Amino acid sequence: MAPRDADSLIMPRVLPLRPPEPPEMQARAMDNLRFIRETMAAAATFTAVSGWGTMLIGLTALVATALAASTGSTPRWVFIWMCEAVLSVGISIYTMMLKARANGLPLWSEPARKIVFSFAPPMAVGALLTLVCYEHRLLGLLPGVWMLLYGVGVVAAGTFSVRIVPVMGVAFMAVGTVALFAPPSWTTACMAAGFGGLHLYFGALIARRHGG
């Protein structure tokens, strides 16, 4: 009988079978991962606020101030500023889209939704109070009301954006307070300083510190 080869005497190595994870454990792990992702998304800040767009809004506001000051018609004055409000919203959305695309950021993210839902209510109240003031011939209150509510909206929305945005909102509230108690002769100066000057100043800071 021929002797066996030495290699044949070596027993094959048996690897223990690892039991698969229970389905409930896998589901729990997926839930935890989803929770972590949602938490990180909710804690993120919206960085696509455009400084250049904010400055452009300031420039158009200065043009609107000059046009409104040169008209002698109250309905035209209100109409000019309503057009400026619509134009400002369009500029803001368009420039944020450009900045988000350039930086590879999602525009409609969780922080962006929070910004919209924080900013929209004060603007809706502002539109309603505009109608009330116009109906009751209280147009002298509009500059202060507009800047106060705009400032509140910016502060609320800015908590989900870069740190300088809420500061801009507080500045608008300060100028709005002055406009609310100032004599009517200050209306043009307050509107120019608020919607024009503050947008230009803070837009330049945002552009310099946060990449455009």
Protein backbone atom coordinates (compact mmCIF):
# COMPACT_ATOMS: atom_id res chain seq x y z
CA MET A 1 0.00 0.00 0.00
CA ALA A 2 1.54 3.30 -1.14
CA PRO A 3 2.11 5.86 1.55
CA ARG A 4 -0.16 8.86 1.46
CA ASP A 5 1.12 12.24 0.41
CA ALA A 6 1.78 14.55 3.35
CA ASP A 7 -0.47 17.22 1.87
CA SER A 8 -3.33 14.79 1.80
CA LEU A 9 -3.03 14.35 5.55
CA ILE A 10 -3.82 18.05 6.10
CA MET A 11 -7.46 18.45 6.94
CA PRO A 12 -9.32 21.17 4.99
CA ARG A 13 -9.96 24.31 6.97
CA VAL A 14 -13.57 24.70 7.84
CA LEU A 15 -14.81 28.27 8.21
CA PRO A 16 -17.72 28.75 10.55
CA LEU A 17 -20.78 30.11 8.85
CA ARG A 18 -21.75 33.56 10.10
CA PRO A 19 -25.45 33.76 10.63
CA PRO A 20 -27.09 36.59 8.69
CA GLU A 21 -28.25 39.59 10.62
CA PRO A 22 -31.90 39.48 11.55
CA PRO A 23 -34.13 41.58 9.30
CA GLU A 24 -35.21 43.74 12.21
CA MET A 25 -31.59 44.63 12.99
CA GLN A 26 -30.99 45.66 9.37
CA ALA A 27 -34.13 47.76 9.40
CA ARG A 28 -33.02 49.42 12.63
CA ALA A 29 -29.63 50.23 11.14
CA MET A 30 -31.26 51.78 8.07
CA ASP A 31 -33.57 53.85 10.29
CA ASN A 32 -30.59 55.10 12.30
CA LEU A 33 -28.72 56.01 9.13
CA ARG A 34 -31.75 57.85 7.77
CA PHE A 35 -32.16 59.70 11.07
CA ILE A 36 -28.50 60.78 11.02
CA ARG A 37 -28.80 62.06 7.46
CA GLU A 38 -31.99 63.99 8.21
CA THR A 39 -30.46 65.47 11.36
CA MET A 40 -27.37 66.61 9.47
CA ALA A 41 -29.51 68.11 6.70
CA ALA A 42 -31.69 69.95 9.22
CA ALA A 43 -28.66 71.32 11.04
CA ALA A 44 -27.04 72.60 7.84
CA THR A 45 -27.13 76.25 6.83
CA PHE A 46 -28.21 77.73 3.53
CA THR A 47 -25.07 79.31 2.07
CA ALA A 48 -26.38 80.19 -1.40
CA VAL A 49 -27.46 83.70 -0.39
CA SER A 50 -26.00 85.92 -3.10
CA GLY A 51 -24.16 89.03 -2.01
CA TRP A 52 -24.08 90.34 -5.57
CA GLY A 53 -27.82 89.76 -5.88
CA THR A 54 -28.40 91.61 -2.60
CA MET A 55 -26.38 94.54 -3.92
CA LEU A 56 -28.38 94.53 -7.15
CA ILE A 57 -31.58 94.70 -5.09
CA GLY A 58 -30.12 97.73 -3.32
CA LEU A 59 -29.44 99.45 -6.64
CA THR A 60 -32.94 98.83 -7.94
CA ALA A 61 -34.32 100.10 -4.63
CA LEU A 62 -32.43 103.37 -5.06
CA VAL A 63 -33.94 103.72 -8.54
CA ALA A 64 -37.39 103.00 -7.10
CA THR A 65 -36.79 105.61 -4.39
CA ALA A 66 -35.99 108.25 -7.00
CA LEU A 67 -39.00 107.34 -9.13
CA ALA A 68 -41.36 107.28 -6.15
CA ALA A 69 -40.07 110.62 -4.86
CA SER A 70 -40.64 112.29 -8.24
CA THR A 71 -44.24 111.19 -8.58
CA GLY A 72 -47.01 113.26 -7.11
CA SER A 73 -49.55 110.45 -7.16
CA THR A 74 -50.09 108.26 -4.12
CA PRO A 75 -51.31 105.23 -6.13
CA ARG A 76 -48.23 105.51 -8.37
CA TRP A 77 -45.98 105.69 -5.31
CA VAL A 78 -47.43 102.45 -3.96
CA PHE A 79 -47.35 100.85 -7.42
CA ILE A 80 -43.66 101.66 -7.88
CA TRP A 81 -42.74 100.02 -4.59
CA MET A 82 -44.92 96.99 -5.29
CA CYS A 83 -43.09 96.55 -8.60
CA GLU A 84 -39.78 96.89 -6.76
CA ALA A 85 -40.84 94.19 -4.29
CA VAL A 86 -41.69 91.76 -7.10
CA LEU A 87 -38.45 92.59 -8.92
CA SER A 88 -36.44 92.04 -5.74
CA VAL A 89 -37.92 88.59 -5.22
CA GLY A 90 -37.07 87.65 -8.81
CA ILE A 91 -33.49 88.93 -8.47
CA SER A 92 -33.02 87.10 -5.17
CA ILE A 93 -34.26 83.74 -6.50
CA TYR A 94 -32.30 83.98 -9.76
CA THR A 95 -29.00 84.97 -8.16
CA MET A 96 -29.32 82.28 -5.48
CA MET A 97 -29.89 79.71 -8.22
CA LEU A 98 -26.72 80.88 -9.98
CA LYS A 99 -24.66 80.73 -6.78
CA ALA A 100 -26.01 77.32 -5.79
CA ARG A 101 -25.27 75.94 -9.25
CA ALA A 102 -21.75 77.39 -9.27
CA ASN A 103 -20.97 75.82 -5.87
CA GLY A 104 -22.71 72.52 -6.59
CA LEU A 105 -25.27 73.06 -3.84
CA PRO A 106 -28.91 71.97 -3.87
CA LEU A 107 -31.19 74.98 -4.02
CA TRP A 108 -34.32 73.35 -2.58
CA SER A 109 -32.73 71.79 0.51
CA GLU A 110 -34.08 71.49 4.04
CA PRO A 111 -32.52 74.84 5.14
CA ALA A 112 -33.92 76.49 2.00
CA ARG A 113 -37.42 75.27 2.82
CA LYS A 114 -37.07 76.59 6.36
CA ILE A 115 -35.97 79.97 4.99
CA VAL A 116 -39.00 80.18 2.71
CA PHE A 117 -41.45 79.17 5.44
CA SER A 118 -39.86 81.66 7.88
CA PHE A 119 -39.73 84.57 5.44
CA ALA A 120 -43.13 84.17 3.77
CA PRO A 121 -45.46 84.92 6.76
CA PRO A 122 -44.07 88.42 7.52
CA MET A 123 -44.22 89.25 3.81
CA ALA A 124 -47.85 88.11 3.64
CA VAL A 125 -48.67 90.29 6.67
CA GLY A 126 -46.88 93.19 4.98
CA ALA A 127 -49.03 92.80 1.87
CA LEU A 128 -52.18 92.71 4.00
CA LEU A 129 -51.19 95.79 6.01
CA THR A 130 -50.38 97.61 2.76
CA LEU A 131 -53.98 97.14 1.66
CA VAL A 132 -55.27 98.28 5.06
CA CYS A 133 -53.06 101.38 5.15
CA TYR A 134 -54.01 102.26 1.58
CA GLU A 135 -57.70 101.82 2.33
CA HIS A 136 -57.55 104.01 5.44
CA ARG A 137 -55.17 106.62 3.97
CA LEU A 138 -52.35 105.73 6.37
CA LEU A 139 -49.63 105.62 3.74
CA GLY A 140 -47.22 107.47 6.00
CA LEU A 141 -46.93 104.28 8.05
CA LEU A 142 -45.95 102.07 5.12
CA PRO A 143 -42.17 102.71 5.04
CA GLY A 144 -41.83 101.79 8.70
CA VAL A 145 -44.20 98.82 8.44
CA TRP A 146 -42.45 97.50 5.35
CA MET A 147 -38.95 97.69 6.82
CA LEU A 148 -39.98 96.31 10.20
CA LEU A 149 -41.71 93.28 8.70
CA TYR A 150 -38.95 92.77 6.16
CA GLY A 151 -36.42 92.87 8.99
CA VAL A 152 -38.43 90.36 11.01
CA GLY A 153 -38.58 88.04 8.00
CA VAL A 154 -34.85 88.35 7.37
CA VAL A 155 -34.02 87.65 11.04
CA ALA A 156 -36.29 84.60 11.11
CA ALA A 157 -35.02 83.22 7.81
CA GLY A 158 -31.43 84.16 8.57
CA THR A 159 -31.24 81.71 11.47
CA PHE A 160 -30.89 79.02 8.78
CA SER A 161 -28.37 80.97 6.70
CA VAL A 162 -24.99 82.61 7.18
CA ARG A 163 -24.55 84.57 10.38
CA ILE A 164 -24.54 88.03 8.84
CA VAL A 165 -28.08 87.71 7.42
CA PRO A 166 -29.90 88.06 10.80
CA VAL A 167 -27.73 91.11 11.52
CA MET A 168 -29.04 92.67 8.31
CA GLY A 169 -32.57 91.96 9.51
CA VAL A 170 -31.95 93.75 12.81
CA ALA A 171 -30.58 96.74 10.90
CA PHE A 172 -33.76 96.88 8.82
CA MET A 173 -35.85 96.77 11.99
CA ALA A 174 -33.85 99.71 13.39
CA VAL A 175 -34.34 101.84 10.27
CA GLY A 176 -38.00 100.81 10.14
CA THR A 177 -38.49 101.98 13.71
CA VAL A 178 -37.02 105.36 12.82
CA ALA A 179 -39.24 105.59 9.73
CA LEU A 180 -42.32 104.69 11.74
CA PHE A 181 -41.93 107.70 14.09
CA ALA A 182 -40.15 110.12 11.75
CA PRO A 183 -41.96 113.03 10.06
CA PRO A 184 -43.25 112.46 6.50
CA SER A 185 -40.38 114.50 5.08
CA TRP A 186 -38.02 111.66 6.08
CA THR A 187 -39.81 109.03 4.00
CA THR A 188 -37.54 109.19 0.96
CA ALA A 189 -34.36 109.20 3.06
CA CYS A 190 -35.51 106.24 5.15
CA MET A 191 -36.48 104.18 2.12
CA ALA A 192 -33.17 104.97 0.42
CA ALA A 193 -31.17 104.18 3.56
CA GLY A 194 -33.08 100.96 4.28
CA PHE A 195 -33.88 99.18 1.05
CA GLY A 196 -31.05 100.85 -0.83
CA GLY A 197 -28.15 101.40 1.56
CA LEU A 198 -28.53 98.36 3.80
CA HIS A 199 -28.84 96.00 0.83
CA LEU A 200 -25.72 97.48 -0.72
CA TYR A 201 -23.70 97.36 2.50
CA PHE A 202 -24.62 93.86 3.64
CA GLY A 203 -24.57 92.52 0.09
CA ALA A 204 -20.94 93.64 -0.20
CA LEU A 205 -20.11 91.90 3.10
CA ILE A 206 -21.81 88.67 2.00
CA ALA A 207 -20.06 88.74 -1.37
CA ARG A 208 -16.67 89.25 0.24
CA ARG A 209 -17.00 86.78 3.10
CA HIS A 210 -19.09 84.04 1.56
CA GLY A 211 -17.96 83.75 -2.03
CA GLY A 212 -20.20 86.00 -4.06
